[in-house]
């Protein structure tokens, strides 16, 4: 089952890593629009958008995370996957 592969917090949300950032001319609005257009997910379900230079993070409900991951898997790119599950933050 794929469900065990995704880390879900107590609120039923998933943090996703997006391999696009400010260096790709991305801002929160453009990122949400890109995800909405490709994955057909309501923009209001995309929360906590964080844009960094080369990547971004978003938080979405579990069901939408599955839809987004599936939709972006179909997107062919020479780089690594555009959207994937965020790795757990390492404790220092």
Protein backbone atom coordinates (compact mmCIF):
# COMPACT_ATOMS: atom_id res chain seq x y z
CA UNK A 1 0.00 0.00 0.00
CA UNK A 2 1.30 3.45 -0.90
CA UNK A 3 -0.31 5.10 2.11
CA UNK A 4 2.50 4.05 4.46
CA UNK A 5 5.05 5.80 2.20
CA UNK A 6 3.62 9.25 2.92
CA UNK A 7 4.17 10.92 6.26
CA UNK A 8 0.87 12.36 7.42
CA UNK A 9 0.64 14.59 10.46
CA UNK A 10 -2.20 14.56 12.95
CA UNK A 11 -4.19 17.10 10.90
CA UNK A 12 -4.14 14.80 7.86
CA UNK A 13 -1.84 17.04 5.83
CA UNK A 14 1.31 16.29 3.88
CA UNK A 15 4.32 18.54 3.24
CA UNK A 16 5.46 18.45 -0.39
CA UNK A 17 8.81 19.53 -1.85
CA UNK A 18 8.59 21.40 -5.16
CA UNK A 19 11.75 21.64 -7.29
CA UNK A 20 10.98 25.20 -8.36
CA UNK A 21 11.89 28.41 -6.54
CA UNK A 22 12.75 32.08 -6.93
CA UNK A 23 15.54 31.20 -9.37
CA UNK A 24 12.78 29.76 -11.62
CA UNK A 25 10.86 33.06 -11.33
CA UNK A 26 8.41 31.37 -8.94
CA UNK A 27 6.37 33.18 -6.31
CA UNK A 28 3.53 31.83 -4.12
CA UNK A 29 0.80 32.79 -6.58
CA UNK A 30 2.58 31.29 -9.60
CA UNK A 31 3.35 28.10 -7.69
CA UNK A 32 -0.26 27.64 -6.56
CA UNK A 33 -1.50 28.36 -10.10
CA UNK A 34 0.94 25.83 -11.61
CA UNK A 35 -0.20 23.12 -9.19
CA UNK A 36 -3.87 24.00 -9.71
CA UNK A 37 -3.53 23.82 -13.51
CA UNK A 38 -1.55 20.57 -13.64
CA UNK A 39 -3.23 18.67 -10.81
CA UNK A 40 -6.72 20.26 -10.86
CA UNK A 41 -6.56 20.86 -7.09
CA UNK A 42 -8.46 23.75 -5.48
CA UNK A 43 -6.00 26.53 -4.66
CA UNK A 44 -7.49 27.08 -1.19
CA UNK A 45 -6.34 23.59 -0.21
CA UNK A 46 -2.69 24.53 -0.83
CA UNK A 47 -1.36 26.00 2.42
CA UNK A 48 1.87 27.20 4.01
CA UNK A 49 3.62 27.97 0.71
CA UNK A 50 7.33 28.64 1.28
CA UNK A 51 9.44 29.79 -1.65
CA UNK A 52 13.25 29.51 -1.48
CA UNK A 53 15.86 30.17 -4.17
CA UNK A 54 15.87 26.74 -5.82
CA UNK A 55 12.88 24.96 -4.28
CA UNK A 56 9.60 25.44 -2.41
CA UNK A 57 7.39 23.66 0.10
CA UNK A 58 3.61 23.40 0.28
CA UNK A 59 1.23 21.71 2.69
CA UNK A 60 -1.90 20.02 1.38
CA UNK A 61 -4.50 17.53 2.67
CA UNK A 62 -3.52 13.89 2.19
CA UNK A 63 -6.00 13.24 -0.65
CA UNK A 64 -4.76 16.27 -2.61
CA UNK A 65 -1.13 15.22 -2.05
CA UNK A 66 -1.86 11.91 -3.77
CA UNK A 67 -3.52 13.74 -6.71
CA UNK A 68 -0.64 16.25 -7.01
CA UNK A 69 2.08 13.58 -6.84
CA UNK A 70 0.28 11.48 -9.47
CA UNK A 71 -0.29 14.47 -11.80
CA UNK A 72 3.32 15.64 -11.62
CA UNK A 73 4.67 12.12 -12.16
CA UNK A 74 3.26 12.43 -15.67
CA UNK A 75 5.23 15.65 -16.24
CA UNK A 76 8.44 14.67 -18.04
CA UNK A 77 11.48 16.69 -17.07
CA UNK A 78 15.23 16.29 -17.35
CA UNK A 79 15.58 17.29 -13.72
CA UNK A 80 14.52 15.27 -10.70
CA UNK A 81 10.77 15.05 -10.02
CA UNK A 82 9.10 18.47 -9.87
CA UNK A 83 7.02 17.51 -6.81
CA UNK A 84 7.81 14.87 -4.21
CA UNK A 85 7.18 14.21 -0.55
CA UNK A 86 9.30 16.41 1.69
CA UNK A 87 11.87 14.52 3.70
CA UNK A 88 11.66 14.70 7.48
CA UNK A 89 13.63 17.63 8.84
CA UNK A 90 16.78 16.41 10.58
CA UNK A 91 17.06 17.31 14.25
CA UNK A 92 20.28 19.07 15.24
